[in-house]
Every structure is written in C-alpha cells, then in structure tokens.
Amino acid sequence: MANNCHTFMYRRPAMKIENIKWYIGWIFFPAWYLIGKKYIILPVIQSVFEAMSYSDAYLITNYLWNFIAIVILFSLYGTGILRDIKQIRQYDIKSIASGYIKSFAVIVLFTILGGIMQFILSSGNNEQSINEITLRMTMKEHYWAIMILSAFIGPILEELIFRWFIFSSINKSLIIKVIVSSVLFGLMHFIPSIGAISLNELCLQAIQYVLAGIAFCLVYIKRGNVVFGIAAHMSINLMHNLMYLVNQ
C-alpha cells in the first residue's frame, strides 16, 4: 500500500506539467499563426531595415516565424516528437515506400477533388489566396529560398502542429480530432485572404484547404506516424513549386 501511494504522489506533478505544456501550445500556436507574421515580425523587420523591399522583408519574416515556431515546438514537445518519429524504424524499406506512395496518392486525390469542386462552384473564375499571391510574387526574386521554405520547412512544421500536436493533445474521439485539425488547417491558410477576395471565393478556398487537412489526417491515422504525412506534404508542395517554375 505504501508503494502505491508513493507512486501516485510521484506521477501527479508530471501529469500537471504535461497538461500545462499542452495549454501553452494551444495558446501560443493559434496566436502565432494569427499575429506572428503580420503584426510582430514583419513590422519589426520593416522598421529596422527601412530600405528593404517588401519581398525581402516577407522572406526574412517567414524564415524567422518558422524558426521561432519550431524552437517553441521542440522546446515543449521535443521528446515526444522524436520518440514518435523514431518509431519509423519498425518499418522495413518496402513498407516505408509503400506507405509513402499510398499517402501521396491520398493527398493528390483530395487535392484534385478540392480543385474540381472549386472550379465547378466558382464557374471557372478562381481567385488565388493572398497567401499564394504573396508567395508567388516573392518566388520571382527568391525562388530557391521560397522553395526550401514551402516544400520542406513548412510541411514539417504544419504536420507537427496540425497533426502530431492536435492529435496528441486532444483526448477526444478521432472524428473530433480530424474536425479540429482540418478546420484549423484551413483557417490558417485562408484567413489572410479575408477582405481581399469575394466571400464566395473565400468559402470555396476554405473547402479546398479543409479537404486537404482531412487528407493529411487520414494519412496520419492510417500510418500512425507523422513522417509519412511530412513526406507526402513535402512532395505535393514540391510538385506545385516545380510546376510554377516550368510555367514561367
């Protein structure tokens, strides 16, 4: 009986600390997505380097924003993230390759589905999101820097936050986790476009991004490891960037 009591008293503080870490994440990451770039880092960069062009300031802002988010993410949850990632070792090469191909196929399928829905519902008059427009403008001057950011750094951070963090921190059913993850993933992508494009187009883009979020959730649930989602996310973003390069 004494041993049981001792064990209980030992574990309780650890659970409290863990809960606090999840709460910090739920406060920090939404706020960082909403105000970090536009209202904190970008104004500071522009005020310090007044002669810097907007595209240069935008590029530096994005790298700093991602760097800070990654530092916070791994400072709070690095042990858990690395533990989960290391579980990829239980797969052989054939299983990893098969899992990646199937994961990528799911993402492509949902991307095509979202694109078709957007095209049909908008009668072919698609408006680009502000996120995409700014990214493309910056790409004209800093293609490879944006390529690294959007095809490698971005997917890693997004999968760790919108899949690993959300699925790990919410103690609810899978359906609730998928809904929360997909909706927040969609919000993060189309919020910058609010007020800049029509309401109809905004809703269409929301549907497209939420569908993409659902696809990444399905990959995470099916594979049980965030590495597959990261690889598929990198691949689809890399494909988009290469298509942009070819069309220039």
C-alpha atoms as a PDB file:
ATOM      1  CA  MET A   1       0.000   0.000   0.000  1.00  0.00           C
ATOM      2  CA  ALA A   2       2.849   2.397   0.811  1.00  0.00           C
ATOM      3  CA  ASN A   3       4.445   1.768  -2.580  1.00  0.00           C
ATOM      4  CA  ASN A   4       1.188   2.515  -4.394  1.00  0.00           C
ATOM      5  CA  CYS A   5       0.806   5.785  -2.501  1.00  0.00           C
ATOM      6  CA  HIS A   6       4.395   6.750  -3.284  1.00  0.00           C
ATOM      7  CA  THR A   7       3.885   6.016  -6.999  1.00  0.00           C
ATOM      8  CA  PHE A   8       0.723   8.121  -7.111  1.00  0.00           C
ATOM      9  CA  MET A   9       2.420  11.086  -5.446  1.00  0.00           C
ATOM     10  CA  TYR A  10       5.340  10.826  -7.879  1.00  0.00           C
ATOM     11  CA  ARG A  11       3.258  10.809 -11.066  1.00  0.00           C
ATOM     12  CA  ARG A  12       0.789  13.534 -10.250  1.00  0.00           C
ATOM     13  CA  PRO A  13       3.137  16.547 -10.690  1.00  0.00           C
ATOM     14  CA  ALA A  14       4.368  15.123 -14.017  1.00  0.00           C
ATOM     15  CA  MET A  15       0.830  14.985 -15.335  1.00  0.00           C
ATOM     16  CA  LYS A  16       0.222  18.586 -14.294  1.00  0.00           C
ATOM     17  CA  ILE A  17       3.374  19.764 -16.048  1.00  0.00           C
ATOM     18  CA  GLU A  18       2.372  17.865 -19.190  1.00  0.00           C
ATOM     19  CA  ASN A  19      -1.076  19.448 -19.165  1.00  0.00           C
ATOM     20  CA  ILE A  20       0.444  22.903 -18.769  1.00  0.00           C
ATOM     21  CA  LYS A  21       2.622  22.256 -21.825  1.00  0.00           C
ATOM     22  CA  TRP A  22      -0.439  21.389 -23.914  1.00  0.00           C
ATOM     23  CA  TYR A  23      -2.226  24.537 -22.717  1.00  0.00           C
ATOM     24  CA  ILE A  24       0.801  26.655 -23.634  1.00  0.00           C
ATOM     25  CA  GLY A  25       0.736  25.156 -27.117  1.00  0.00           C
ATOM     26  CA  TRP A  26      -2.962  25.867 -27.567  1.00  0.00           C
ATOM     27  CA  ILE A  27      -2.395  29.491 -26.571  1.00  0.00           C
ATOM     28  CA  PHE A  28       0.854  30.101 -28.440  1.00  0.00           C
ATOM     29  CA  PHE A  29       0.336  28.452 -31.836  1.00  0.00           C
ATOM     30  CA  PRO A  30      -3.072  29.970 -32.734  1.00  0.00           C
ATOM     31  CA  ALA A  31      -1.824  33.400 -31.650  1.00  0.00           C
ATOM     32  CA  TRP A  32       1.431  32.931 -33.545  1.00  0.00           C
ATOM     33  CA  TYR A  33      -0.437  31.999 -36.733  1.00  0.00           C
ATOM     34  CA  LEU A  34      -2.833  34.941 -36.400  1.00  0.00           C
ATOM     35  CA  ILE A  35      -0.480  37.764 -35.442  1.00  0.00           C
ATOM     36  CA  GLY A  36       3.101  36.483 -35.537  1.00  0.00           C
ATOM     37  CA  LYS A  37       3.954  37.340 -39.125  1.00  0.00           C
ATOM     38  CA  LYS A  38       1.819  40.348 -39.978  1.00  0.00           C
ATOM     39  CA  TYR A  39       1.754  42.190 -36.665  1.00  0.00           C
ATOM     40  CA  ILE A  40       5.013  41.257 -34.945  1.00  0.00           C
ATOM     41  CA  ILE A  41       7.912  40.104 -37.125  1.00  0.00           C
ATOM     42  CA  LEU A  42       7.162  41.917 -40.413  1.00  0.00           C
ATOM     43  CA  PRO A  43       6.689  45.382 -38.807  1.00  0.00           C
ATOM     44  CA  VAL A  44       9.923  44.934 -36.851  1.00  0.00           C
ATOM     45  CA  ILE A  45      11.864  43.902 -39.964  1.00  0.00           C
ATOM     46  CA  GLN A  46      10.461  46.815 -41.975  1.00  0.00           C
ATOM     47  CA  SER A  47      11.203  49.350 -39.235  1.00  0.00           C
ATOM     48  CA  VAL A  48      14.768  48.137 -38.680  1.00  0.00           C
ATOM     49  CA  PHE A  49      15.574  47.792 -42.393  1.00  0.00           C
ATOM     50  CA  GLU A  50      13.617  50.665 -43.923  1.00  0.00           C
ATOM     51  CA  ALA A  51      15.237  50.379 -47.355  1.00  0.00           C
ATOM     52  CA  MET A  52      14.478  46.665 -47.666  1.00  0.00           C
ATOM     53  CA  SER A  53      11.964  45.634 -50.337  1.00  0.00           C
ATOM     54  CA  TYR A  54       8.692  44.021 -49.280  1.00  0.00           C
ATOM     55  CA  SER A  55       9.616  40.671 -50.858  1.00  0.00           C
ATOM     56  CA  ASP A  56      12.911  40.582 -48.935  1.00  0.00           C
ATOM     57  CA  ALA A  57      11.159  41.520 -45.687  1.00  0.00           C
ATOM     58  CA  TYR A  58       8.456  38.910 -46.351  1.00  0.00           C
ATOM     59  CA  LEU A  59      11.082  36.224 -46.927  1.00  0.00           C
ATOM     60  CA  ILE A  60      13.019  37.028 -43.747  1.00  0.00           C
ATOM     61  CA  THR A  61       9.752  37.250 -41.801  1.00  0.00           C
ATOM     62  CA  ASN A  62       8.700  33.773 -42.893  1.00  0.00           C
ATOM     63  CA  TYR A  63      12.027  32.202 -42.013  1.00  0.00           C
ATOM     64  CA  LEU A  64      12.085  33.869 -38.587  1.00  0.00           C
ATOM     65  CA  TRP A  65       8.451  32.949 -37.951  1.00  0.00           C
ATOM     66  CA  ASN A  66       9.069  29.289 -38.793  1.00  0.00           C
ATOM     67  CA  PHE A  67      12.307  29.190 -36.802  1.00  0.00           C
ATOM     68  CA  ILE A  68      10.638  30.553 -33.662  1.00  0.00           C
ATOM     69  CA  ALA A  69       7.674  28.177 -34.047  1.00  0.00           C
ATOM     70  CA  ILE A  70       9.995  25.172 -34.434  1.00  0.00           C
ATOM     71  CA  VAL A  71      12.068  26.202 -31.397  1.00  0.00           C
ATOM     72  CA  ILE A  72       8.920  26.535 -29.251  1.00  0.00           C
ATOM     73  CA  LEU A  73       7.506  23.268 -30.592  1.00  0.00           C
ATOM     74  CA  PHE A  74      10.616  21.228 -29.821  1.00  0.00           C
ATOM     75  CA  SER A  75      11.259  23.006 -26.520  1.00  0.00           C
ATOM     76  CA  LEU A  76       7.836  21.905 -25.298  1.00  0.00           C
ATOM     77  CA  TYR A  77       7.350  18.554 -27.026  1.00  0.00           C
ATOM     78  CA  GLY A  78      10.720  17.541 -28.495  1.00  0.00           C
ATOM     79  CA  THR A  79      10.959  14.305 -26.519  1.00  0.00           C
ATOM     80  CA  GLY A  80       7.518  13.110 -27.619  1.00  0.00           C
ATOM     81  CA  ILE A  81       8.012  14.161 -31.242  1.00  0.00           C
ATOM     82  CA  LEU A  82      11.389  12.428 -31.562  1.00  0.00           C
ATOM     83  CA  ARG A  83      10.054   9.308 -29.837  1.00  0.00           C
ATOM     84  CA  ASP A  84       7.203   9.063 -32.334  1.00  0.00           C
ATOM     85  CA  ILE A  85       9.429   9.782 -35.333  1.00  0.00           C
ATOM     86  CA  LYS A  86      11.905   7.088 -34.268  1.00  0.00           C
ATOM     87  CA  GLN A  87       9.111   4.531 -34.456  1.00  0.00           C
ATOM     88  CA  ILE A  88       9.607   4.629 -38.237  1.00  0.00           C
ATOM     89  CA  ARG A  89      12.442   2.167 -37.572  1.00  0.00           C
ATOM     90  CA  GLN A  90       9.902  -0.606 -37.052  1.00  0.00           C
ATOM     91  CA  TYR A  91       9.073  -0.460 -40.777  1.00  0.00           C
ATOM     92  CA  ASP A  92      11.204  -2.121 -43.436  1.00  0.00           C
ATOM     93  CA  ILE A  93      12.139  -0.278 -46.645  1.00  0.00           C
ATOM     94  CA  LYS A  94       9.320  -1.884 -48.627  1.00  0.00           C
ATOM     95  CA  SER A  95       6.696  -0.853 -46.058  1.00  0.00           C
ATOM     96  CA  ILE A  96       8.060   2.687 -45.922  1.00  0.00           C
ATOM     97  CA  ALA A  97       7.997   3.009 -49.720  1.00  0.00           C
ATOM     98  CA  SER A  98       4.501   1.534 -49.925  1.00  0.00           C
ATOM     99  CA  GLY A  99       3.252   3.766 -47.121  1.00  0.00           C
ATOM    100  CA  TYR A 100       4.716   6.852 -48.763  1.00  0.00           C
ATOM    101  CA  ILE A 101       3.214   6.075 -52.188  1.00  0.00           C
ATOM    102  CA  LYS A 102      -0.227   5.419 -50.706  1.00  0.00           C
ATOM    103  CA  SER A 103      -0.013   8.547 -48.552  1.00  0.00           C
ATOM    104  CA  PHE A 104       0.980  10.691 -51.516  1.00  0.00           C
ATOM    105  CA  ALA A 105      -1.840   9.172 -53.601  1.00  0.00           C
ATOM    106  CA  VAL A 106      -4.400  10.126 -50.932  1.00  0.00           C
ATOM    107  CA  ILE A 107      -3.126  13.723 -50.844  1.00  0.00           C
ATOM    108  CA  VAL A 108      -3.156  14.007 -54.642  1.00  0.00           C
ATOM    109  CA  LEU A 109      -6.675  12.563 -54.804  1.00  0.00           C
ATOM    110  CA  PHE A 110      -8.048  15.040 -52.261  1.00  0.00           C
ATOM    111  CA  THR A 111      -6.153  17.912 -53.913  1.00  0.00           C
ATOM    112  CA  ILE A 112      -7.717  17.079 -57.272  1.00  0.00           C
ATOM    113  CA  LEU A 113     -11.143  16.683 -55.665  1.00  0.00           C
ATOM    114  CA  GLY A 114     -10.829  20.070 -53.954  1.00  0.00           C
ATOM    115  CA  GLY A 115      -9.656  21.701 -57.179  1.00  0.00           C
ATOM    116  CA  ILE A 116     -12.560  20.241 -59.157  1.00  0.00           C
ATOM    117  CA  MET A 117     -15.095  21.378 -56.550  1.00  0.00           C
ATOM    118  CA  GLN A 118     -13.619  24.862 -56.501  1.00  0.00           C
ATOM    119  CA  PHE A 119     -13.624  25.081 -60.306  1.00  0.00           C
ATOM    120  CA  ILE A 120     -17.231  23.881 -60.666  1.00  0.00           C
ATOM    121  CA  LEU A 121     -18.674  26.010 -57.868  1.00  0.00           C
ATOM    122  CA  SER A 122     -16.805  29.126 -58.995  1.00  0.00           C
ATOM    123  CA  SER A 123     -17.714  28.597 -62.679  1.00  0.00           C
ATOM    124  CA  GLY A 124     -14.028  28.551 -63.545  1.00  0.00           C
ATOM    125  CA  ASN A 125     -13.311  32.025 -62.145  1.00  0.00           C
ATOM    126  CA  ASN A 126     -10.804  31.089 -59.456  1.00  0.00           C
ATOM    127  CA  GLU A 127      -9.130  33.764 -57.352  1.00  0.00           C
ATOM    128  CA  GLN A 128      -5.812  33.000 -55.693  1.00  0.00           C
ATOM    129  CA  SER A 129      -5.498  33.369 -51.937  1.00  0.00           C
ATOM    130  CA  ILE A 130      -3.422  36.269 -50.596  1.00  0.00           C
ATOM    131  CA  ASN A 131      -1.072  33.672 -49.162  1.00  0.00           C
ATOM    132  CA  GLU A 132      -0.483  32.201 -52.601  1.00  0.00           C
ATOM    133  CA  ILE A 133      -0.223  35.559 -54.380  1.00  0.00           C
ATOM    134  CA  THR A 134       2.399  36.879 -51.943  1.00  0.00           C
ATOM    135  CA  LEU A 135       4.311  33.614 -52.124  1.00  0.00           C
ATOM    136  CA  ARG A 136       4.369  33.677 -55.929  1.00  0.00           C
ATOM    137  CA  MET A 137       5.476  37.314 -56.011  1.00  0.00           C
ATOM    138  CA  THR A 138       8.347  36.582 -53.641  1.00  0.00           C
ATOM    139  CA  MET A 139       9.234  33.483 -55.657  1.00  0.00           C
ATOM    140  CA  LYS A 140      10.070  35.643 -58.671  1.00  0.00           C
ATOM    141  CA  GLU A 141      13.003  37.121 -56.748  1.00  0.00           C
ATOM    142  CA  HIS A 142      13.850  34.337 -54.305  1.00  0.00           C
ATOM    143  CA  TYR A 143      12.749  31.094 -55.938  1.00  0.00           C
ATOM    144  CA  TRP A 144      15.057  28.673 -54.135  1.00  0.00           C
ATOM    145  CA  ALA A 145      14.626  30.320 -50.741  1.00  0.00           C
ATOM    146  CA  ILE A 146      10.839  30.041 -51.083  1.00  0.00           C
ATOM    147  CA  MET A 147      11.207  26.500 -52.428  1.00  0.00           C
ATOM    148  CA  ILE A 148      13.054  25.436 -49.265  1.00  0.00           C
ATOM    149  CA  LEU A 149      10.514  27.234 -47.091  1.00  0.00           C
ATOM    150  CA  SER A 150       7.330  25.955 -48.722  1.00  0.00           C
ATOM    151  CA  ALA A 151       8.451  22.487 -49.806  1.00  0.00           C
ATOM    152  CA  PHE A 152      10.489  21.446 -46.781  1.00  0.00           C
ATOM    153  CA  ILE A 153      10.302  23.666 -43.680  1.00  0.00           C
ATOM    154  CA  GLY A 154       6.578  24.458 -43.993  1.00  0.00           C
ATOM    155  CA  PRO A 155       5.368  20.852 -44.352  1.00  0.00           C
ATOM    156  CA  ILE A 156       7.434  19.701 -41.367  1.00  0.00           C
ATOM    157  CA  LEU A 157       6.043  22.426 -39.121  1.00  0.00           C
ATOM    158  CA  GLU A 158       2.449  22.085 -40.345  1.00  0.00           C
ATOM    159  CA  GLU A 159       2.344  18.313 -39.908  1.00  0.00           C
ATOM    160  CA  LEU A 160       3.882  18.508 -36.447  1.00  0.00           C
ATOM    161  CA  ILE A 161       1.428  21.200 -35.311  1.00  0.00           C
ATOM    162  CA  PHE A 162      -1.792  20.293 -37.139  1.00  0.00           C
ATOM    163  CA  ARG A 163      -1.431  16.538 -36.911  1.00  0.00           C
ATOM    164  CA  TRP A 164       1.021  15.490 -34.180  1.00  0.00           C
ATOM    165  CA  PHE A 165       0.276  18.276 -31.681  1.00  0.00           C
ATOM    166  CA  ILE A 166      -3.502  18.332 -32.142  1.00  0.00           C
ATOM    167  CA  PHE A 167      -3.910  14.543 -32.142  1.00  0.00           C
ATOM    168  CA  SER A 168      -1.615  14.213 -29.113  1.00  0.00           C
ATOM    169  CA  SER A 169      -3.184  16.985 -27.049  1.00  0.00           C
ATOM    170  CA  ILE A 170      -6.905  16.332 -27.598  1.00  0.00           C
ATOM    171  CA  ASN A 171      -8.333  13.496 -25.533  1.00  0.00           C
ATOM    172  CA  LYS A 172     -11.422  13.032 -27.702  1.00  0.00           C
ATOM    173  CA  SER A 173     -12.643  10.746 -30.489  1.00  0.00           C
ATOM    174  CA  LEU A 174     -10.823  10.529 -33.816  1.00  0.00           C
ATOM    175  CA  ILE A 175     -13.692  12.362 -35.526  1.00  0.00           C
ATOM    176  CA  ILE A 176     -13.300  15.348 -33.184  1.00  0.00           C
ATOM    177  CA  LYS A 177      -9.545  15.351 -33.755  1.00  0.00           C
ATOM    178  CA  VAL A 178      -9.982  15.277 -37.537  1.00  0.00           C
ATOM    179  CA  ILE A 179     -12.547  18.091 -37.461  1.00  0.00           C
ATOM    180  CA  VAL A 180     -10.412  20.324 -35.229  1.00  0.00           C
ATOM    181  CA  SER A 181      -7.224  19.615 -37.183  1.00  0.00           C
ATOM    182  CA  SER A 182      -8.797  20.118 -40.620  1.00  0.00           C
ATOM    183  CA  VAL A 183     -10.724  23.274 -39.730  1.00  0.00           C
ATOM    184  CA  LEU A 184      -7.703  24.918 -38.086  1.00  0.00           C
ATOM    185  CA  PHE A 185      -5.505  23.885 -41.019  1.00  0.00           C
ATOM    186  CA  GLY A 186      -7.999  25.512 -43.379  1.00  0.00           C
ATOM    187  CA  LEU A 187      -8.277  28.657 -41.250  1.00  0.00           C
ATOM    188  CA  MET A 188      -4.519  29.091 -41.190  1.00  0.00           C
ATOM    189  CA  HIS A 189      -4.400  29.108 -44.988  1.00  0.00           C
ATOM    190  CA  PHE A 190      -7.399  31.283 -45.874  1.00  0.00           C
ATOM    191  CA  ILE A 191      -7.577  33.813 -43.004  1.00  0.00           C
ATOM    192  CA  PRO A 192      -5.022  36.103 -44.751  1.00  0.00           C
ATOM    193  CA  SER A 193      -7.449  36.355 -47.699  1.00  0.00           C
ATOM    194  CA  ILE A 194     -10.394  37.655 -45.642  1.00  0.00           C
ATOM    195  CA  GLY A 195     -11.430  41.025 -47.029  1.00  0.00           C
ATOM    196  CA  ALA A 196      -9.168  40.688 -50.064  1.00  0.00           C
ATOM    197  CA  ILE A 197     -11.279  38.310 -52.157  1.00  0.00           C
ATOM    198  CA  SER A 198     -15.002  37.705 -52.539  1.00  0.00           C
ATOM    199  CA  LEU A 199     -16.906  35.845 -49.821  1.00  0.00           C
ATOM    200  CA  ASN A 200     -17.904  33.158 -52.310  1.00  0.00           C
ATOM    201  CA  GLU A 201     -14.290  32.533 -53.300  1.00  0.00           C
ATOM    202  CA  LEU A 202     -13.229  32.586 -49.666  1.00  0.00           C
ATOM    203  CA  CYS A 203     -15.719  29.819 -48.869  1.00  0.00           C
ATOM    204  CA  LEU A 204     -14.505  27.780 -51.832  1.00  0.00           C
ATOM    205  CA  GLN A 205     -10.903  28.098 -50.724  1.00  0.00           C
ATOM    206  CA  ALA A 206     -11.923  27.132 -47.199  1.00  0.00           C
ATOM    207  CA  ILE A 207     -13.475  23.926 -48.536  1.00  0.00           C
ATOM    208  CA  GLN A 208     -10.352  23.137 -50.533  1.00  0.00           C
ATOM    209  CA  TYR A 209      -7.994  23.645 -47.606  1.00  0.00           C
ATOM    210  CA  VAL A 210     -10.215  21.754 -45.163  1.00  0.00           C
ATOM    211  CA  LEU A 211     -10.327  18.820 -47.600  1.00  0.00           C
ATOM    212  CA  ALA A 212      -6.536  18.884 -47.738  1.00  0.00           C
ATOM    213  CA  GLY A 213      -6.481  18.884 -43.942  1.00  0.00           C
ATOM    214  CA  ILE A 214      -8.774  15.845 -43.861  1.00  0.00           C
ATOM    215  CA  ALA A 215      -6.468  14.044 -46.297  1.00  0.00           C
ATOM    216  CA  PHE A 216      -3.422  14.649 -44.113  1.00  0.00           C
ATOM    217  CA  CYS A 217      -5.396  13.484 -41.059  1.00  0.00           C
ATOM    218  CA  LEU A 218      -6.318  10.244 -42.825  1.00  0.00           C
ATOM    219  CA  VAL A 219      -2.669   9.648 -43.664  1.00  0.00           C
ATOM    220  CA  TYR A 220      -1.651  10.273 -40.049  1.00  0.00           C
ATOM    221  CA  ILE A 221      -4.357   7.964 -38.690  1.00  0.00           C
ATOM    222  CA  LYS A 222      -3.689   5.198 -41.201  1.00  0.00           C
ATOM    223  CA  ARG A 223       0.109   5.224 -40.909  1.00  0.00           C
ATOM    224  CA  GLY A 224       0.333   6.051 -37.211  1.00  0.00           C
ATOM    225  CA  ASN A 225       3.465   8.096 -37.804  1.00  0.00           C
ATOM    226  CA  VAL A 226       3.843  11.756 -38.736  1.00  0.00           C
ATOM    227  CA  VAL A 227       6.806  11.013 -41.039  1.00  0.00           C
ATOM    228  CA  PHE A 228       4.546   9.729 -43.827  1.00  0.00           C
ATOM    229  CA  GLY A 229       2.413  12.867 -43.728  1.00  0.00           C
ATOM    230  CA  ILE A 230       5.510  15.075 -43.766  1.00  0.00           C
ATOM    231  CA  ALA A 231       6.915  13.221 -46.787  1.00  0.00           C
ATOM    232  CA  ALA A 232       3.616  13.410 -48.695  1.00  0.00           C
ATOM    233  CA  HIS A 233       3.151  17.082 -47.765  1.00  0.00           C
ATOM    234  CA  MET A 234       6.674  17.892 -48.943  1.00  0.00           C
ATOM    235  CA  SER A 235       6.082  16.064 -52.209  1.00  0.00           C
ATOM    236  CA  ILE A 236       2.819  17.837 -53.080  1.00  0.00           C
ATOM    237  CA  ASN A 237       4.284  21.261 -52.261  1.00  0.00           C
ATOM    238  CA  LEU A 238       7.450  20.466 -54.201  1.00  0.00           C
ATOM    239  CA  MET A 239       5.336  19.419 -57.176  1.00  0.00           C
ATOM    240  CA  HIS A 240       3.415  22.722 -57.060  1.00  0.00           C
ATOM    241  CA  ASN A 241       6.653  24.704 -56.915  1.00  0.00           C
ATOM    242  CA  LEU A 242       8.196  22.814 -59.825  1.00  0.00           C
ATOM    243  CA  MET A 243       5.033  23.359 -61.878  1.00  0.00           C
ATOM    244  CA  TYR A 244       5.318  27.083 -61.150  1.00  0.00           C
ATOM    245  CA  LEU A 245       8.958  27.043 -62.315  1.00  0.00           C
ATOM    246  CA  VAL A 246       8.085  25.194 -65.531  1.00  0.00           C
ATOM    247  CA  ASN A 247       5.252  27.612 -66.342  1.00  0.00           C
ATOM    248  CA  GLN A 248       7.447  30.703 -66.012  1.00  0.00           C
END
